Amino acid sequence: ITERDGMFFAKALDRHLLLVPGQAKTLKAAGFAVPDRAELQRLRRRIDASQWPCRPGASPLFVESISVWDPDGTELIFGLAQQESALTTEAQTWSARLQHVVMSSRDPERVVLFFTEVLGFTLSDNVVDPEGGVRTSFLRCSHEHHSFAVFKASEDRFDHHCYETKDWNHIRDWCDH
């Protein structure tokens, strides 16, 4: 972890986090790397066609990016990832890919519509309560089951993010670390 201008940068193989001081249970922004400039341009055209507000992004994690805000006000940044020089041996040892981000919302249906209709994510599945109401929606933008999920809750807030690592020993080592 390195510190610069009150921000903390954490990086390892397949993940980069930018931590900034803030209010508890909040997420300033979630960043999604796109594979190439053509995909970023396709996404920008899709957002523009939906007439959803979009602007150039501003994140030291991306060389070029766009930002949108979901219906609950969370900033989502899509961009071309900064190229790594060389990761340290320790960073390679502590590899854990950032797998998904989860938010809670009072109106998750509106958030799901934004992700599917504006951003082009695919709904993987829903978890329904005994009365048939949707409690959780899982969405994807790649081959993964989900890159984003939203829980129905009494407040709009950040819930959690998840990492994927190699095996039980790596989970143990991460916990010990």
C-alpha atoms as a PDB file:
ATOM      1  CA  ILE A   1       0.000   0.000   0.000  1.00  0.00           C
ATOM      2  CA  THR A   2       1.288   3.451  -0.886  1.00  0.00           C
ATOM      3  CA  GLU A   3      -0.114   6.801   0.229  1.00  0.00           C
ATOM      4  CA  ARG A   4      -0.390   9.922  -1.929  1.00  0.00           C
ATOM      5  CA  ASP A   5      -2.428  13.071  -1.290  1.00  0.00           C
ATOM      6  CA  GLY A   6      -4.536  11.413   1.425  1.00  0.00           C
ATOM      7  CA  MET A   7      -5.375   8.458  -0.810  1.00  0.00           C
ATOM      8  CA  PHE A   8      -4.143   4.924  -0.281  1.00  0.00           C
ATOM      9  CA  PHE A   9      -3.323   2.755  -3.289  1.00  0.00           C
ATOM     10  CA  ALA A  10      -3.408  -1.007  -2.788  1.00  0.00           C
ATOM     11  CA  LYS A  11      -2.457  -3.241  -5.671  1.00  0.00           C
ATOM     12  CA  ALA A  12      -1.644  -6.816  -6.391  1.00  0.00           C
ATOM     13  CA  LEU A  13      -2.050  -9.150  -9.295  1.00  0.00           C
ATOM     14  CA  ASP A  14      -5.476  -8.558 -10.908  1.00  0.00           C
ATOM     15  CA  ARG A  15      -6.712  -5.958  -8.437  1.00  0.00           C
ATOM     16  CA  HIS A  16      -6.260  -2.296  -7.650  1.00  0.00           C
ATOM     17  CA  LEU A  17      -7.957  -0.366  -4.891  1.00  0.00           C
ATOM     18  CA  LEU A  18      -7.934   3.330  -4.201  1.00  0.00           C
ATOM     19  CA  LEU A  19      -8.985   3.998  -0.614  1.00  0.00           C
ATOM     20  CA  VAL A  20     -10.022   7.480   0.498  1.00  0.00           C
ATOM     21  CA  PRO A  21     -11.382   8.717   3.834  1.00  0.00           C
ATOM     22  CA  GLY A  22     -15.170   8.848   3.927  1.00  0.00           C
ATOM     23  CA  GLN A  23     -18.384   8.102   5.704  1.00  0.00           C
ATOM     24  CA  ALA A  24     -18.953   4.543   6.947  1.00  0.00           C
ATOM     25  CA  LYS A  25     -20.925   2.166   4.690  1.00  0.00           C
ATOM     26  CA  THR A  26     -20.298   4.262   1.597  1.00  0.00           C
ATOM     27  CA  LEU A  27     -18.523   3.643  -1.657  1.00  0.00           C
ATOM     28  CA  LYS A  28     -17.136   6.662  -3.498  1.00  0.00           C
ATOM     29  CA  ALA A  29     -16.915   4.775  -6.784  1.00  0.00           C
ATOM     30  CA  ALA A  30     -16.581   1.320  -8.284  1.00  0.00           C
ATOM     31  CA  GLY A  31     -14.263   0.934 -11.257  1.00  0.00           C
ATOM     32  CA  PHE A  32     -14.602  -1.632 -14.015  1.00  0.00           C
ATOM     33  CA  ALA A  33     -11.739  -2.162 -16.469  1.00  0.00           C
ATOM     34  CA  VAL A  34     -12.803  -2.693 -20.068  1.00  0.00           C
ATOM     35  CA  PRO A  35     -10.620  -4.760 -22.403  1.00  0.00           C
ATOM     36  CA  ASP A  36      -9.869  -2.073 -25.019  1.00  0.00           C
ATOM     37  CA  ARG A  37     -10.687   1.400 -26.352  1.00  0.00           C
ATOM     38  CA  ALA A  38     -13.271   0.029 -28.815  1.00  0.00           C
ATOM     39  CA  GLU A  39     -15.257  -1.517 -25.951  1.00  0.00           C
ATOM     40  CA  LEU A  40     -15.064   1.738 -23.989  1.00  0.00           C
ATOM     41  CA  GLN A  41     -16.387   3.635 -27.024  1.00  0.00           C
ATOM     42  CA  ARG A  42     -19.230   1.100 -27.485  1.00  0.00           C
ATOM     43  CA  LEU A  43     -20.211   1.569 -23.852  1.00  0.00           C
ATOM     44  CA  ARG A  44     -20.131   5.375 -24.211  1.00  0.00           C
ATOM     45  CA  ARG A  45     -22.394   5.177 -27.291  1.00  0.00           C
ATOM     46  CA  ARG A  46     -24.802   2.894 -25.397  1.00  0.00           C
ATOM     47  CA  ILE A  47     -24.975   5.299 -22.439  1.00  0.00           C
ATOM     48  CA  ASP A  48     -25.396   8.308 -24.736  1.00  0.00           C
ATOM     49  CA  ALA A  49     -28.230   6.528 -26.612  1.00  0.00           C
ATOM     50  CA  SER A  50     -30.032   5.977 -23.306  1.00  0.00           C
ATOM     51  CA  GLN A  51     -29.654   9.704 -22.565  1.00  0.00           C
ATOM     52  CA  TRP A  52     -28.217   8.867 -19.140  1.00  0.00           C
ATOM     53  CA  PRO A  53     -25.735  11.528 -17.945  1.00  0.00           C
ATOM     54  CA  CYS A  54     -22.125  10.521 -18.524  1.00  0.00           C
ATOM     55  CA  ARG A  55     -18.846  12.406 -18.329  1.00  0.00           C
ATOM     56  CA  PRO A  56     -15.150  11.688 -18.755  1.00  0.00           C
ATOM     57  CA  GLY A  57     -13.917   9.795 -15.709  1.00  0.00           C
ATOM     58  CA  ALA A  58     -11.261  10.910 -13.288  1.00  0.00           C
ATOM     59  CA  SER A  59      -9.370   8.096 -11.612  1.00  0.00           C
ATOM     60  CA  PRO A  60      -5.659   7.438 -11.284  1.00  0.00           C
ATOM     61  CA  LEU A  61      -6.491   3.751 -11.835  1.00  0.00           C
ATOM     62  CA  PHE A  62      -7.433   4.325 -15.498  1.00  0.00           C
ATOM     63  CA  VAL A  63      -5.669   6.016 -18.415  1.00  0.00           C
ATOM     64  CA  GLU A  64      -8.983   6.828 -20.089  1.00  0.00           C
ATOM     65  CA  SER A  65     -12.417   6.436 -18.543  1.00  0.00           C
ATOM     66  CA  ILE A  66     -16.050   7.486 -18.363  1.00  0.00           C
ATOM     67  CA  SER A  67     -18.210   7.988 -15.267  1.00  0.00           C
ATOM     68  CA  VAL A  68     -21.913   7.489 -14.677  1.00  0.00           C
ATOM     69  CA  TRP A  69     -23.970   7.537 -11.489  1.00  0.00           C
ATOM     70  CA  ASP A  70     -26.490   4.809 -10.770  1.00  0.00           C
ATOM     71  CA  PRO A  71     -30.019   5.734  -9.570  1.00  0.00           C
ATOM     72  CA  ASP A  72     -28.855   5.598  -5.936  1.00  0.00           C
ATOM     73  CA  GLY A  73     -26.001   8.025  -6.635  1.00  0.00           C
ATOM     74  CA  THR A  74     -23.018   5.628  -6.719  1.00  0.00           C
ATOM     75  CA  GLU A  75     -20.357   6.602  -9.237  1.00  0.00           C
ATOM     76  CA  LEU A  76     -19.338   3.865 -11.664  1.00  0.00           C
ATOM     77  CA  ILE A  77     -16.143   4.363 -13.627  1.00  0.00           C
ATOM     78  CA  PHE A  78     -15.389   2.288 -16.729  1.00  0.00           C
ATOM     79  CA  GLY A  79     -11.952   2.599 -18.248  1.00  0.00           C
ATOM     80  CA  LEU A  80      -8.700   1.334 -19.648  1.00  0.00           C
ATOM     81  CA  ALA A  81      -6.517   0.113 -16.802  1.00  0.00           C
ATOM     82  CA  GLN A  82      -3.151   1.714 -16.124  1.00  0.00           C
ATOM     83  CA  GLN A  83      -0.329  -0.496 -17.351  1.00  0.00           C
ATOM     84  CA  GLU A  84       1.696  -2.037 -14.571  1.00  0.00           C
ATOM     85  CA  SER A  85       5.432  -1.634 -14.565  1.00  0.00           C
ATOM     86  CA  ALA A  86       6.367  -4.661 -12.471  1.00  0.00           C
ATOM     87  CA  LEU A  87       4.537  -5.863  -9.414  1.00  0.00           C
ATOM     88  CA  THR A  88       6.630  -6.651  -6.408  1.00  0.00           C
ATOM     89  CA  THR A  89       7.185 -10.239  -5.350  1.00  0.00           C
ATOM     90  CA  GLU A  90       5.004  -9.625  -2.293  1.00  0.00           C
ATOM     91  CA  ALA A  91       2.159  -8.315  -4.449  1.00  0.00           C
ATOM     92  CA  GLN A  92       2.353 -11.414  -6.619  1.00  0.00           C
ATOM     93  CA  THR A  93       2.288 -13.625  -3.523  1.00  0.00           C
ATOM     94  CA  TRP A  94      -0.825 -11.875  -2.259  1.00  0.00           C
ATOM     95  CA  SER A  95      -2.806 -12.233  -5.468  1.00  0.00           C
ATOM     96  CA  ALA A  96      -6.560 -12.011  -5.060  1.00  0.00           C
ATOM     97  CA  ARG A  97      -8.690 -10.831  -7.939  1.00  0.00           C
ATOM     98  CA  LEU A  98     -11.449  -8.371  -7.074  1.00  0.00           C
ATOM     99  CA  GLN A  99     -14.439 -10.490  -8.036  1.00  0.00           C
ATOM    100  CA  HIS A 100     -17.564  -8.414  -7.380  1.00  0.00           C
ATOM    101  CA  VAL A 101     -19.080  -5.361  -5.699  1.00  0.00           C
ATOM    102  CA  VAL A 102     -22.429  -5.403  -3.864  1.00  0.00           C
ATOM    103  CA  MET A 103     -24.680  -2.496  -2.957  1.00  0.00           C
ATOM    104  CA  SER A 104     -27.887  -2.308  -0.911  1.00  0.00           C
ATOM    105  CA  SER A 105     -30.817  -0.272  -2.200  1.00  0.00           C
ATOM    106  CA  ARG A 106     -34.312   0.725  -1.193  1.00  0.00           C
ATOM    107  CA  ASP A 107     -35.237   0.400  -4.882  1.00  0.00           C
ATOM    108  CA  PRO A 108     -33.137  -2.406  -6.353  1.00  0.00           C
ATOM    109  CA  GLU A 109     -35.442  -2.846  -9.359  1.00  0.00           C
ATOM    110  CA  ARG A 110     -34.505   0.656 -10.542  1.00  0.00           C
ATOM    111  CA  VAL A 111     -30.789  -0.135 -10.069  1.00  0.00           C
ATOM    112  CA  VAL A 112     -31.148  -3.428 -11.999  1.00  0.00           C
ATOM    113  CA  LEU A 113     -32.900  -1.639 -14.875  1.00  0.00           C
ATOM    114  CA  PHE A 114     -30.061   0.901 -14.994  1.00  0.00           C
ATOM    115  CA  PHE A 115     -27.402  -1.830 -15.108  1.00  0.00           C
ATOM    116  CA  THR A 116     -29.216  -3.870 -17.758  1.00  0.00           C
ATOM    117  CA  GLU A 117     -30.790  -1.177 -19.964  1.00  0.00           C
ATOM    118  CA  VAL A 118     -28.190   1.610 -19.738  1.00  0.00           C
ATOM    119  CA  LEU A 119     -24.914  -0.269 -19.125  1.00  0.00           C
ATOM    120  CA  GLY A 120     -25.714  -3.555 -20.858  1.00  0.00           C
ATOM    121  CA  PHE A 121     -25.057  -5.900 -17.919  1.00  0.00           C
ATOM    122  CA  THR A 122     -26.907  -9.228 -17.974  1.00  0.00           C
ATOM    123  CA  LEU A 123     -29.126 -10.383 -15.131  1.00  0.00           C
ATOM    124  CA  SER A 124     -27.695 -13.720 -13.957  1.00  0.00           C
ATOM    125  CA  ASP A 125     -30.447 -14.513 -11.469  1.00  0.00           C
ATOM    126  CA  ASN A 126     -32.579 -13.259  -8.611  1.00  0.00           C
ATOM    127  CA  VAL A 127     -33.045 -14.505  -5.072  1.00  0.00           C
ATOM    128  CA  VAL A 128     -36.719 -14.353  -4.124  1.00  0.00           C
ATOM    129  CA  ASP A 129     -38.314 -14.366  -0.689  1.00  0.00           C
ATOM    130  CA  PRO A 130     -41.192 -16.751   0.224  1.00  0.00           C
ATOM    131  CA  GLU A 131     -43.738 -14.124  -0.892  1.00  0.00           C
ATOM    132  CA  GLY A 132     -42.119 -13.893  -4.351  1.00  0.00           C
ATOM    133  CA  GLY A 133     -40.402 -10.526  -3.844  1.00  0.00           C
ATOM    134  CA  VAL A 134     -36.898 -10.067  -5.243  1.00  0.00           C
ATOM    135  CA  ARG A 135     -34.374  -9.742  -2.391  1.00  0.00           C
ATOM    136  CA  THR A 136     -31.100  -9.924  -4.367  1.00  0.00           C
ATOM    137  CA  SER A 137     -30.178  -9.506  -8.033  1.00  0.00           C
ATOM    138  CA  PHE A 138     -26.891 -10.729  -9.498  1.00  0.00           C
ATOM    139  CA  LEU A 139     -25.602  -9.056 -12.684  1.00  0.00           C
ATOM    140  CA  ARG A 140     -22.640  -9.756 -14.937  1.00  0.00           C
ATOM    141  CA  CYS A 141     -20.598  -8.009 -17.601  1.00  0.00           C
ATOM    142  CA  SER A 142     -18.309 -10.961 -18.376  1.00  0.00           C
ATOM    143  CA  HIS A 143     -18.247 -14.740 -18.162  1.00  0.00           C
ATOM    144  CA  GLU A 144     -18.453 -14.568 -14.340  1.00  0.00           C
ATOM    145  CA  HIS A 145     -21.744 -15.349 -12.592  1.00  0.00           C
ATOM    146  CA  HIS A 146     -21.803 -11.762 -11.324  1.00  0.00           C
ATOM    147  CA  SER A 147     -19.638  -8.647 -11.256  1.00  0.00           C
ATOM    148  CA  PHE A 148     -22.249  -6.641  -9.381  1.00  0.00           C
ATOM    149  CA  ALA A 149     -25.144  -7.444  -7.066  1.00  0.00           C
ATOM    150  CA  VAL A 150     -27.797  -5.393  -5.335  1.00  0.00           C
ATOM    151  CA  PHE A 151     -29.683  -6.316  -2.150  1.00  0.00           C
ATOM    152  CA  LYS A 152     -33.077  -4.932  -1.180  1.00  0.00           C
ATOM    153  CA  ALA A 153     -32.574  -2.993   2.060  1.00  0.00           C
ATOM    154  CA  SER A 154     -33.942  -0.138   4.145  1.00  0.00           C
ATOM    155  CA  GLU A 155     -31.129   2.206   3.016  1.00  0.00           C
ATOM    156  CA  ASP A 156     -28.984   2.861  -0.047  1.00  0.00           C
ATOM    157  CA  ARG A 157     -25.430   1.904   0.895  1.00  0.00           C
ATOM    158  CA  PHE A 158     -22.329  -0.085   0.129  1.00  0.00           C
ATOM    159  CA  ASP A 159     -22.605  -3.690   1.294  1.00  0.00           C
ATOM    160  CA  HIS A 160     -19.371  -5.528   0.428  1.00  0.00           C
ATOM    161  CA  HIS A 161     -16.761  -6.438  -2.146  1.00  0.00           C
ATOM    162  CA  CYS A 162     -15.336  -9.892  -2.689  1.00  0.00           C
ATOM    163  CA  TYR A 163     -11.985 -11.297  -3.733  1.00  0.00           C
ATOM    164  CA  GLU A 164     -11.193 -14.556  -5.426  1.00  0.00           C
ATOM    165  CA  THR A 165      -8.010 -16.378  -4.598  1.00  0.00           C
ATOM    166  CA  LYS A 166      -6.469 -19.717  -5.445  1.00  0.00           C
ATOM    167  CA  ASP A 167      -7.290 -22.090  -2.604  1.00  0.00           C
ATOM    168  CA  TRP A 168      -7.914 -22.531   1.114  1.00  0.00           C
ATOM    169  CA  ASN A 169      -4.261 -21.906   1.989  1.00  0.00           C
ATOM    170  CA  HIS A 170      -4.394 -18.485   0.330  1.00  0.00           C
ATOM    171  CA  ILE A 171      -7.587 -17.638   2.240  1.00  0.00           C
ATOM    172  CA  ARG A 172      -5.860 -18.660   5.475  1.00  0.00           C
ATOM    173  CA  ASP A 173      -2.763 -16.602   4.612  1.00  0.00           C
ATOM    174  CA  TRP A 174      -4.875 -13.546   3.709  1.00  0.00           C
ATOM    175  CA  CYS A 175      -6.727 -13.798   7.023  1.00  0.00           C
ATOM    176  CA  ASP A 176      -3.482 -14.169   8.951  1.00  0.00           C
ATOM    177  CA  HIS A 177      -1.984 -11.208   7.065  1.00  0.00           C
END
